[in-house]
Every structure is written in C-alpha cells, then in structure tokens.
Amino acid sequence: MRLYDTARRDVVPFTPSELVLMYTCGITPYDATHLGHASTFLFYDILQRRLIDLGHTVRCVRNVTDVDDPLFAKARELGVHYLDLAAGEEARFNRDMEALEMLPAYSTPRASSAITDIRKFIGLVLDRGFAYAVGGSVYFDVTKVPTFGEVSHYSHEQMLEFARQRGGNVDDPQKRNPLDFVLWHPSAEDEPAWDATWGAGRPGWHIECSALALRDLGTTIDLHGGGSDLIFPHHECERAQSEAATGEIFVKHWMHVAMVFKDGEKMSKSLGNLVFVDQLRTLWDPRSIRIAIIEHHYRKEWEWDEALMPRSSARLAQWVASVGGTQSDLLDSVRACLDNDLDTPSALALIDAAAAAGVDVSASAALLGVELLTPVGPR
C-alpha cells in the first residue's frame, strides 16, 4: 500500500506491522454531523477496511473534544450544561456513523476523561524545558523545537495566519512568541476548572490528543490525521509537544482528508453552509451517501451539488442489480486501486463498468463498506 504523507509531501509506502495503531481527530460535539465530517471519517474507514482485508488488526482511536471554546459558547447560547449538549450531539454523531456503516473505533475517549493524564503530560513538558508558566497559563515554547513546521511546511506568515484563524490567539501578551500555544489556561466563570500546580483552569485544545494517544496507543502511532484544516496548528502542535514529552517519534505517517465545499466556501459550522448527515439519510439510502463521498479522491477538495445524491442512488441501484451475475477478478483490481493512495474514484469506475457488464460486484462493494445483499433504504 502507498499513501500520501503530509509531512513528507509524497506518496510513500505504508508498511505497518500486523497491529496498526491509528488516531483520528474526532468531533467537538456541539452540533450535528455534516458531510465534511462524514467525508473525513469515511476515508479512514475505507483505509481500515483495506488494512483488515490485508490481514492487519487495526486499533483506531477517535477522540471527542468535550472541553473546548465552541462547545462552551453553544451551551451558553442554548442555556444548557455543556456536558448535556455534548452527550446529545455525541449520540447523534454515533447514530450517523452507525447508519453509514462505519467500523467501530477501538476507543472514543473524551477530553474530560484525560485531565489527570493531561496534567502529568504538561508537568513532563515543563520539566524538560519545553514550556513555561505565566499568569496561571502554561505555554509551549516553539523556539525549543527546531523542526516546528515540518508537518505543514507552511511559512512563518502562513502559520501566523492559520493560528489567528483557528483559535491561536497570536496577540496574547503573555506569550514569548506569537506561535507559542496554550497547554493550560484559566477557565471563565461558567466553564469547568480543575486544580493544577500552575493554577486552576482547563487544558488547551491541542494537548488532549497527545495525552489520549499516549494513554491509549503508546508513544508512537503508525498513522494519524483528520481533516486538512487540522494540519496547522493542531497537528503541528501535537507533534511538537508529544515528541518534547517522550523524546520519541510521535507519528510515522500523517494522512489528511481534503475539505468539502458548499456555495463556494468550505463547509463549516461558523458559516452555516452545511449538509447534515442525519437529514440526508432520511431521504436517501445511507449506502448512497457513502458512494457520493467516495466518488471523490480523499486529497481533492470538492463541492456539494444537488445532483450528487440522485447520481449516487442510481449507481447503487445498478450495483444491487448486479448481484448474482457472473464472477471476475474485479476484487483484486479494486484492491489495487485502494493500495494506490486510496484511489476510490478509480475503484468506483471499475465497479460501474463491471456492474454494467453483468458482473456481480458485491464483494468489491463490500470492501468499500457498501453491502449490497441486505436492503437498507432511508433511515
């Protein structure tokens, strides 16, 4: 198998041992699952299915960020407790994932479950001289890591801009460097707070994934990723703090899924240009939603349009009609597509041609998580 590695900026061999350790950044549960979320998790699902098909055991951890600014803001707006909001949205997310036939994660830990681990992690980073405490906050000192920037390969100006856009607070006067990032900071009055030797408060955004990965998977992960919007600052900061704490390589292979667009802009909760999975699946067979997503390559940005679901539904019908047809070596050809940087568009084209020729495509569709032998329908 060959996959694109974000840090190496090339398609390279992916050759893990029998047990594959994988971490994918999950949701901040303050709203429903949109198509951009589904796209990210679906491509990791396809990867896991092919790895299992190859004989691997996959241990995939997907966190839930239940301690974060957007969740607290939404809870304030709705007048509810943040944990009640998180529990409801996490349950809705899980229903969407089950409807889309996603493989279950090895674990789905919440950030709030890792406060003890996070405090120990921060203490270790402080002791090693990679962080500093000031005003009740703890900041990671990026100048102590000469390789900072080698995941994203962004320029200093680009990193500043992305940090500014994505909650980095580059103008914080307590920082020694604008790109330094928060490991711990004081909580607002209506936010949860935990005691720590450097001051009561709560963890920053990036620290949870390092602590959870270390706790559930160990010091080095075979593959880690999420949406491409997490490359910086989230994953860059994760790598820096993790390797500062352990002295070992954090991630062997970085994989990122491109953004989904609607109305010319990236789908995002802040813009409201969203297509929600729970609404789509009341109108369309969830298998059609899977097909609609994987007709695009995971590294290519794409735009939602209203013709996508009817086209995918027709595609599914043609595949279902092929069941019981002739046999061929289609499955091996589909496997070869997936081994070539998860080339799902080519895999779908092969399945389409085979189904049109009367070949039973059920085994190949199943490898993509599309089961043709059991009627489903909207749900």
Protein backbone atom coordinates (compact mmCIF):
# COMPACT_ATOMS: atom_id res chain seq x y z
CA MET A 1 0.00 0.00 0.00
CA ARG A 2 1.17 3.52 -0.85
CA LEU A 3 -0.31 6.63 0.78
CA TYR A 4 0.40 10.33 0.66
CA ASP A 5 2.29 11.53 3.74
CA THR A 6 1.61 15.19 4.54
CA ALA A 7 4.95 15.66 6.30
CA ARG A 8 6.98 14.04 3.52
CA ARG A 9 4.84 15.65 0.80
CA ASP A 10 4.85 12.49 -1.30
CA VAL A 11 3.05 9.20 -1.88
CA VAL A 12 5.17 6.69 0.02
CA PRO A 13 4.91 3.03 1.11
CA PHE A 14 2.73 2.46 4.16
CA THR A 15 4.11 -0.70 5.75
CA PRO A 16 2.93 -1.08 9.35
CA SER A 17 3.31 -4.24 11.39
CA GLU A 18 0.41 -6.67 11.91
CA LEU A 19 -1.08 -4.34 14.56
CA VAL A 20 -1.79 -0.88 13.11
CA LEU A 21 -2.03 1.98 15.61
CA MET A 22 -4.15 4.80 14.23
CA TYR A 23 -5.52 8.05 15.70
CA THR A 24 -8.08 10.26 14.01
CA CYS A 25 -9.18 13.58 15.45
CA GLY A 26 -12.88 13.41 16.25
CA ILE A 27 -15.66 15.89 16.82
CA THR A 28 -16.34 18.79 19.13
CA PRO A 29 -19.94 17.77 19.93
CA TYR A 30 -21.93 20.97 19.74
CA ASP A 31 -23.88 20.43 16.50
CA ALA A 32 -24.91 17.71 14.05
CA THR A 33 -22.56 15.75 11.80
CA HIS A 34 -22.17 17.41 8.41
CA LEU A 35 -20.90 15.97 5.16
CA GLY A 36 -17.39 17.29 5.74
CA HIS A 37 -17.14 15.30 8.98
CA ALA A 38 -18.55 12.21 7.29
CA SER A 39 -16.04 12.51 4.47
CA THR A 40 -13.09 12.61 6.85
CA PHE A 41 -14.17 9.62 8.92
CA LEU A 42 -15.32 7.62 5.89
CA PHE A 43 -11.92 7.66 4.22
CA TYR A 44 -10.30 6.41 7.41
CA ASP A 45 -12.96 3.72 7.46
CA ILE A 46 -12.05 2.68 3.89
CA LEU A 47 -8.37 2.58 4.88
CA GLN A 48 -9.15 0.39 7.89
CA ARG A 49 -11.23 -1.98 5.77
CA ARG A 50 -8.40 -2.49 3.30
CA LEU A 51 -5.85 -2.98 6.11
CA ILE A 52 -8.10 -5.61 7.70
CA ASP A 53 -8.52 -7.20 4.25
CA LEU A 54 -4.72 -7.40 4.09
CA GLY A 55 -4.64 -9.27 7.41
CA HIS A 56 -3.89 -6.43 9.82
CA THR A 57 -5.52 -5.72 13.15
CA VAL A 58 -6.37 -2.03 13.40
CA ARG A 59 -6.57 -0.15 16.68
CA CYS A 60 -8.15 3.20 15.82
CA VAL A 61 -8.75 5.85 18.49
CA ARG A 62 -11.09 8.76 17.74
CA ASN A 63 -11.38 11.39 20.46
CA VAL A 64 -14.32 13.56 21.50
CA THR A 65 -13.39 17.15 22.37
CA ASP A 66 -15.83 17.92 25.18
CA VAL A 67 -13.65 20.66 26.71
CA ASP A 68 -13.35 23.46 24.16
CA ASP A 69 -14.45 27.03 23.43
CA PRO A 70 -17.06 26.30 20.69
CA LEU A 71 -18.86 23.79 22.92
CA PHE A 72 -18.98 26.21 25.84
CA ALA A 73 -20.19 29.04 23.60
CA LYS A 74 -23.00 26.90 22.15
CA ALA A 75 -24.06 25.71 25.60
CA ARG A 76 -24.26 29.34 26.77
CA GLU A 77 -26.33 30.25 23.73
CA LEU A 78 -28.77 27.39 24.37
CA GLY A 79 -28.79 27.81 28.14
CA VAL A 80 -27.83 24.19 28.81
CA HIS A 81 -24.98 22.44 30.61
CA TYR A 82 -22.09 21.83 28.28
CA LEU A 83 -21.91 18.11 29.15
CA ASP A 84 -25.62 17.65 28.37
CA LEU A 85 -25.09 19.30 25.00
CA ALA A 86 -22.02 17.16 24.33
CA ALA A 87 -23.79 13.93 25.28
CA GLY A 88 -26.74 14.63 22.99
CA GLU A 89 -24.61 15.60 20.00
CA GLU A 90 -22.22 12.71 20.52
CA ALA A 91 -25.19 10.32 20.49
CA ARG A 92 -26.45 11.89 17.26
CA PHE A 93 -22.98 11.58 15.73
CA ASN A 94 -22.83 7.91 16.70
CA ARG A 95 -26.20 7.25 15.08
CA ASP A 96 -24.93 8.86 11.87
CA MET A 97 -21.74 6.78 11.93
CA GLU A 98 -23.72 3.57 12.51
CA ALA A 99 -26.11 4.42 9.67
CA LEU A 100 -23.14 4.93 7.35
CA GLU A 101 -21.78 1.51 8.40
CA MET A 102 -18.56 2.90 9.85
CA LEU A 103 -16.37 0.35 11.59
CA PRO A 104 -16.46 0.90 15.36
CA ALA A 105 -13.44 2.70 16.80
CA TYR A 106 -11.15 0.90 19.23
CA SER A 107 -11.91 3.71 21.69
CA THR A 108 -13.62 7.10 21.63
CA PRO A 109 -12.25 8.85 24.71
CA ARG A 110 -13.45 12.24 25.84
CA ALA A 111 -11.03 15.05 26.63
CA SER A 112 -12.64 15.36 30.07
CA SER A 113 -11.60 11.76 30.81
CA ALA A 114 -7.94 12.65 30.45
CA ILE A 115 -7.43 15.58 32.84
CA THR A 116 -5.09 13.57 35.07
CA ASP A 117 -3.11 12.41 32.01
CA ILE A 118 -3.02 15.97 30.66
CA ARG A 119 -1.66 17.42 33.90
CA LYS A 120 1.06 14.77 34.03
CA PHE A 121 1.89 15.44 30.37
CA ILE A 122 2.18 19.19 30.95
CA GLY A 123 4.36 18.60 34.00
CA LEU A 124 6.68 16.45 31.92
CA VAL A 125 6.94 19.09 29.17
CA LEU A 126 7.66 21.77 31.76
CA ASP A 127 10.31 19.63 33.45
CA ARG A 128 12.01 19.04 30.10
CA GLY A 129 12.20 22.80 29.48
CA PHE A 130 9.85 22.97 26.50
CA ALA A 131 7.14 25.06 28.20
CA TYR A 132 6.75 27.97 30.57
CA ALA A 133 4.09 29.03 33.07
CA VAL A 134 2.86 32.60 33.39
CA GLY A 135 -0.32 34.13 34.81
CA GLY A 136 -1.94 30.76 35.52
CA SER A 137 -1.36 29.58 31.96
CA VAL A 138 1.21 27.19 30.53
CA TYR A 139 2.56 27.77 27.02
CA PHE A 140 4.62 25.54 24.77
CA ASP A 141 7.78 27.28 23.55
CA VAL A 142 8.02 26.53 19.82
CA THR A 143 11.53 28.00 19.61
CA LYS A 144 12.76 24.94 21.55
CA VAL A 145 11.74 22.70 18.63
CA PRO A 146 13.89 23.39 15.52
CA THR A 147 11.64 21.07 13.46
CA PHE A 148 8.46 23.02 14.25
CA GLY A 149 6.71 23.44 10.90
CA GLU A 150 7.86 20.17 9.34
CA VAL A 151 4.39 18.63 9.29
CA SER A 152 2.71 21.52 7.48
CA HIS A 153 5.71 23.07 5.69
CA TYR A 154 3.95 26.42 5.94
CA SER A 155 5.87 29.68 6.02
CA HIS A 156 6.07 31.69 9.24
CA GLU A 157 3.48 34.11 7.83
CA GLN A 158 1.13 31.27 6.87
CA MET A 159 1.44 29.71 10.32
CA LEU A 160 0.61 33.03 11.95
CA GLU A 161 -2.44 33.47 9.73
CA PHE A 162 -3.77 29.96 10.33
CA ALA A 163 -3.13 30.26 14.05
CA ARG A 164 -5.08 33.54 14.06
CA GLN A 165 -7.98 31.96 12.14
CA ARG A 166 -8.09 28.80 14.21
CA GLY A 167 -8.03 29.97 17.81
CA GLY A 168 -4.30 30.50 18.28
CA ASN A 169 -4.59 33.98 19.88
CA VAL A 170 -1.29 35.13 18.41
CA ASP A 171 -1.65 38.53 20.12
CA ASP A 172 -1.69 37.10 23.65
CA PRO A 173 0.71 39.43 25.55
CA GLN A 174 1.80 36.62 27.91
CA LYS A 175 3.41 34.67 25.07
CA ARG A 176 7.12 34.86 24.36
CA ASN A 177 6.45 34.06 20.71
CA PRO A 178 3.18 34.58 18.78
CA LEU A 179 3.24 30.92 17.66
CA ASP A 180 3.62 29.56 21.20
CA PHE A 181 0.45 27.66 22.06
CA VAL A 182 -1.56 27.08 25.21
CA LEU A 183 -1.26 23.83 27.13
CA TRP A 184 -3.32 25.05 30.10
CA HIS A 185 -5.16 28.27 30.91
CA PRO A 186 -7.59 29.72 33.46
CA SER A 187 -11.28 28.97 32.94
CA ALA A 188 -14.06 31.53 32.63
CA GLU A 189 -16.54 31.66 35.50
CA ASP A 190 -19.09 29.40 33.78
CA GLU A 191 -16.52 26.91 32.46
CA PRO A 192 -15.21 23.77 34.16
CA ALA A 193 -11.95 24.10 36.06
CA TRP A 194 -9.51 21.61 37.52
CA ASP A 195 -6.75 22.21 40.05
CA ALA A 196 -3.14 22.21 38.88
CA THR A 197 0.15 23.27 40.44
CA TRP A 198 0.46 26.15 37.96
CA GLY A 199 -3.13 27.35 38.57
CA ALA A 200 -6.72 26.13 38.37
CA GLY A 201 -8.13 26.02 34.85
CA ARG A 202 -8.58 23.75 31.87
CA PRO A 203 -6.49 22.28 29.05
CA GLY A 204 -5.84 23.95 25.73
CA TRP A 205 -7.09 22.41 22.50
CA HIS A 206 -4.01 20.54 21.28
CA ILE A 207 -2.94 18.82 24.47
CA GLU A 208 -5.86 16.38 24.71
CA CYS A 209 -4.94 14.43 21.58
CA SER A 210 -1.33 13.98 22.65
CA ALA A 211 -2.38 12.78 26.11
CA LEU A 212 -5.09 10.46 24.77
CA ALA A 213 -2.86 9.00 22.06
CA LEU A 214 -0.11 8.34 24.59
CA ARG A 215 -2.58 6.77 27.01
CA ASP A 216 -4.48 4.58 24.53
CA LEU A 217 -1.86 3.80 21.86
CA GLY A 218 1.61 4.46 23.25
CA THR A 219 4.38 6.86 22.30
CA THR A 220 4.47 6.22 18.53
CA ILE A 221 1.47 5.93 16.17
CA ASP A 222 1.58 4.34 12.73
CA LEU A 223 -0.88 6.80 11.17
CA HIS A 224 -2.55 9.97 12.41
CA GLY A 225 -4.73 12.55 10.78
CA GLY A 226 -8.07 14.21 10.29
CA GLY A 227 -9.33 16.97 8.05
CA SER A 228 -6.75 19.07 6.21
CA ASP A 229 -7.75 22.10 8.30
CA LEU A 230 -6.09 20.37 11.27
CA ILE A 231 -2.63 20.28 9.71
CA PHE A 232 -1.88 23.61 11.35
CA PRO A 233 -1.99 24.47 14.13
CA HIS A 234 -3.44 21.31 15.66
CA HIS A 235 -1.27 18.54 14.27
CA GLU A 236 1.88 20.63 14.09
CA CYS A 237 1.47 21.44 17.77
CA GLU A 238 0.57 17.88 18.66
CA ARG A 239 3.76 16.55 17.13
CA ALA A 240 5.93 19.18 18.83
CA GLN A 241 4.57 18.65 22.33
CA SER A 242 4.39 14.85 22.06
CA GLU A 243 7.98 14.46 20.96
CA ALA A 244 9.06 17.01 23.56
CA ALA A 245 7.40 14.89 26.25
CA THR A 246 8.57 11.45 25.14
CA GLY A 247 11.73 12.04 23.12
CA GLU A 248 10.37 9.59 20.53
CA ILE A 249 8.79 9.90 17.07
CA PHE A 250 5.09 10.66 17.57
CA VAL A 251 3.67 9.73 14.15
CA LYS A 252 5.17 7.66 11.34
CA HIS A 253 2.64 8.71 8.70
CA TRP A 254 0.40 11.80 8.52
CA MET A 255 -2.80 11.46 6.43
CA HIS A 256 -5.25 14.32 5.85
CA VAL A 257 -8.61 14.45 4.08
CA ALA A 258 -9.46 17.47 1.92
CA MET A 259 -12.32 19.82 2.71
CA VAL A 260 -15.85 19.64 1.31
CA PHE A 261 -17.29 22.89 -0.05
CA LYS A 262 -20.79 24.30 -0.47
CA ASP A 263 -21.69 27.62 -2.08
CA GLY A 264 -18.01 28.20 -2.85
CA GLU A 265 -16.88 28.01 0.79
CA LYS A 266 -15.59 25.24 3.00
CA MET A 267 -18.44 23.59 4.90
CA SER A 268 -18.20 24.92 8.43
CA LYS A 269 -20.44 25.45 11.40
CA SER A 270 -19.37 29.08 11.62
CA LEU A 271 -20.61 29.80 8.07
CA GLY A 272 -23.69 27.58 8.30
CA ASN A 273 -23.26 26.24 4.75
CA LEU A 274 -23.82 22.67 5.85
CA VAL A 275 -25.39 19.48 4.59
CA PHE A 276 -26.28 17.35 7.61
CA VAL A 277 -25.95 13.59 7.52
CA ASP A 278 -28.99 12.95 9.72
CA GLN A 279 -31.15 14.90 7.25
CA LEU A 280 -29.65 13.24 4.18
CA ARG A 281 -30.26 9.75 5.47
CA THR A 282 -33.97 10.37 5.97
CA LEU A 283 -34.20 10.94 2.20
CA TRP A 284 -31.55 8.61 0.81
CA ASP A 285 -30.18 5.14 1.47
CA PRO A 286 -27.04 5.61 3.63
CA ARG A 287 -25.14 3.44 1.15
CA SER A 288 -25.78 6.14 -1.45
CA ILE A 289 -24.25 8.71 0.90
CA ARG A 290 -21.10 6.57 1.19
CA ILE A 291 -20.90 6.28 -2.59
CA ALA A 292 -21.47 10.03 -3.02
CA ILE A 293 -18.47 10.79 -0.80
CA ILE A 294 -16.04 8.21 -2.14
CA GLU A 295 -16.58 9.13 -5.77
CA HIS A 296 -14.10 11.89 -4.84
CA HIS A 297 -10.45 11.32 -4.01
CA TYR A 298 -9.66 11.93 -0.36
CA ARG A 299 -6.96 14.51 -1.16
CA LYS A 300 -9.08 16.57 -3.58
CA GLU A 301 -11.40 19.32 -2.41
CA TRP A 302 -14.91 19.02 -3.84
CA GLU A 303 -18.13 20.96 -3.98
CA TRP A 304 -21.54 19.67 -2.92
CA ASP A 305 -24.21 19.88 -5.60
CA GLU A 306 -27.82 18.71 -5.67
CA ALA A 307 -27.19 16.20 -8.48
CA LEU A 308 -24.79 14.19 -6.34
CA MET A 309 -27.31 12.14 -4.37
CA PRO A 310 -29.58 11.17 -7.32
CA ARG A 311 -26.47 10.11 -9.23
CA SER A 312 -25.21 8.04 -6.30
CA SER A 313 -28.62 6.46 -5.77
CA ALA A 314 -28.72 5.37 -9.42
CA ARG A 315 -25.21 3.98 -9.05
CA LEU A 316 -26.24 1.97 -6.01
CA ALA A 317 -29.26 0.57 -7.87
CA GLN A 318 -27.02 -0.62 -10.72
CA TRP A 319 -24.65 -2.29 -8.26
CA VAL A 320 -27.52 -4.03 -6.44
CA ALA A 321 -28.89 -5.27 -9.77
CA SER A 322 -25.57 -6.98 -10.47
CA VAL A 323 -25.87 -9.38 -7.52
CA GLY A 324 -25.99 -12.96 -8.76
CA GLY A 325 -24.23 -12.10 -12.00
CA THR A 326 -21.02 -13.56 -13.38
CA GLN A 327 -17.76 -13.69 -11.41
CA SER A 328 -14.47 -11.98 -12.30
CA ASP A 329 -11.18 -10.77 -10.82
CA LEU A 330 -12.76 -7.38 -10.09
CA LEU A 331 -11.98 -7.55 -6.35
CA ASP A 332 -8.23 -7.71 -6.94
CA SER A 333 -8.44 -4.74 -9.30
CA VAL A 334 -10.37 -2.72 -6.68
CA ARG A 335 -7.79 -3.68 -4.06
CA ALA A 336 -5.05 -2.37 -6.35
CA CYS A 337 -6.87 0.98 -6.61
CA LEU A 338 -7.10 1.29 -2.83
CA ASP A 339 -3.43 0.40 -2.47
CA ASN A 340 -2.64 3.29 -4.83
CA ASP A 341 -3.23 6.16 -2.37
CA LEU A 342 -6.85 5.15 -1.69
CA ASP A 343 -7.94 5.80 -5.27
CA THR A 344 -11.66 5.36 -4.66
CA PRO A 345 -12.78 7.18 -7.85
CA SER A 346 -10.95 4.59 -9.98
CA ALA A 347 -12.35 1.79 -7.83
CA LEU A 348 -15.88 3.07 -8.40
CA ALA A 349 -15.30 3.34 -12.13
CA LEU A 350 -14.20 -0.31 -12.24
CA ILE A 351 -17.25 -1.39 -10.24
CA ASP A 352 -19.56 0.62 -12.51
CA ALA A 353 -18.13 -0.99 -15.64
CA ALA A 354 -18.34 -4.46 -14.16
CA ALA A 355 -21.94 -4.00 -12.98
CA ALA A 356 -22.93 -2.72 -16.43
CA ALA A 357 -21.37 -5.86 -17.93
CA GLY A 358 -23.39 -8.16 -15.67
CA VAL A 359 -20.59 -8.96 -13.21
CA ASP A 360 -21.51 -9.49 -9.55
CA VAL A 361 -19.82 -6.55 -7.76
CA SER A 362 -20.97 -7.35 -4.22
CA ALA A 363 -17.54 -8.37 -2.85
CA SER A 364 -15.87 -5.25 -4.24
CA ALA A 365 -18.65 -3.00 -2.95
CA ALA A 366 -18.38 -4.63 0.48
CA LEU A 367 -14.67 -3.76 0.61
CA LEU A 368 -15.80 -0.13 0.30
CA GLY A 369 -18.35 -0.62 3.09
CA VAL A 370 -21.33 -0.87 0.73
CA GLU A 371 -23.23 -4.08 1.46
CA LEU A 372 -25.47 -4.99 -1.48
CA LEU A 373 -27.07 -8.16 -0.16
CA THR A 374 -29.23 -6.55 2.54
CA PRO A 375 -31.93 -3.97 1.67
CA VAL A 376 -31.45 -0.73 3.58
CA GLY A 377 -33.33 2.36 2.33
CA PRO A 378 -33.54 5.76 4.02
CA ARG A 379 -33.24 5.79 7.81
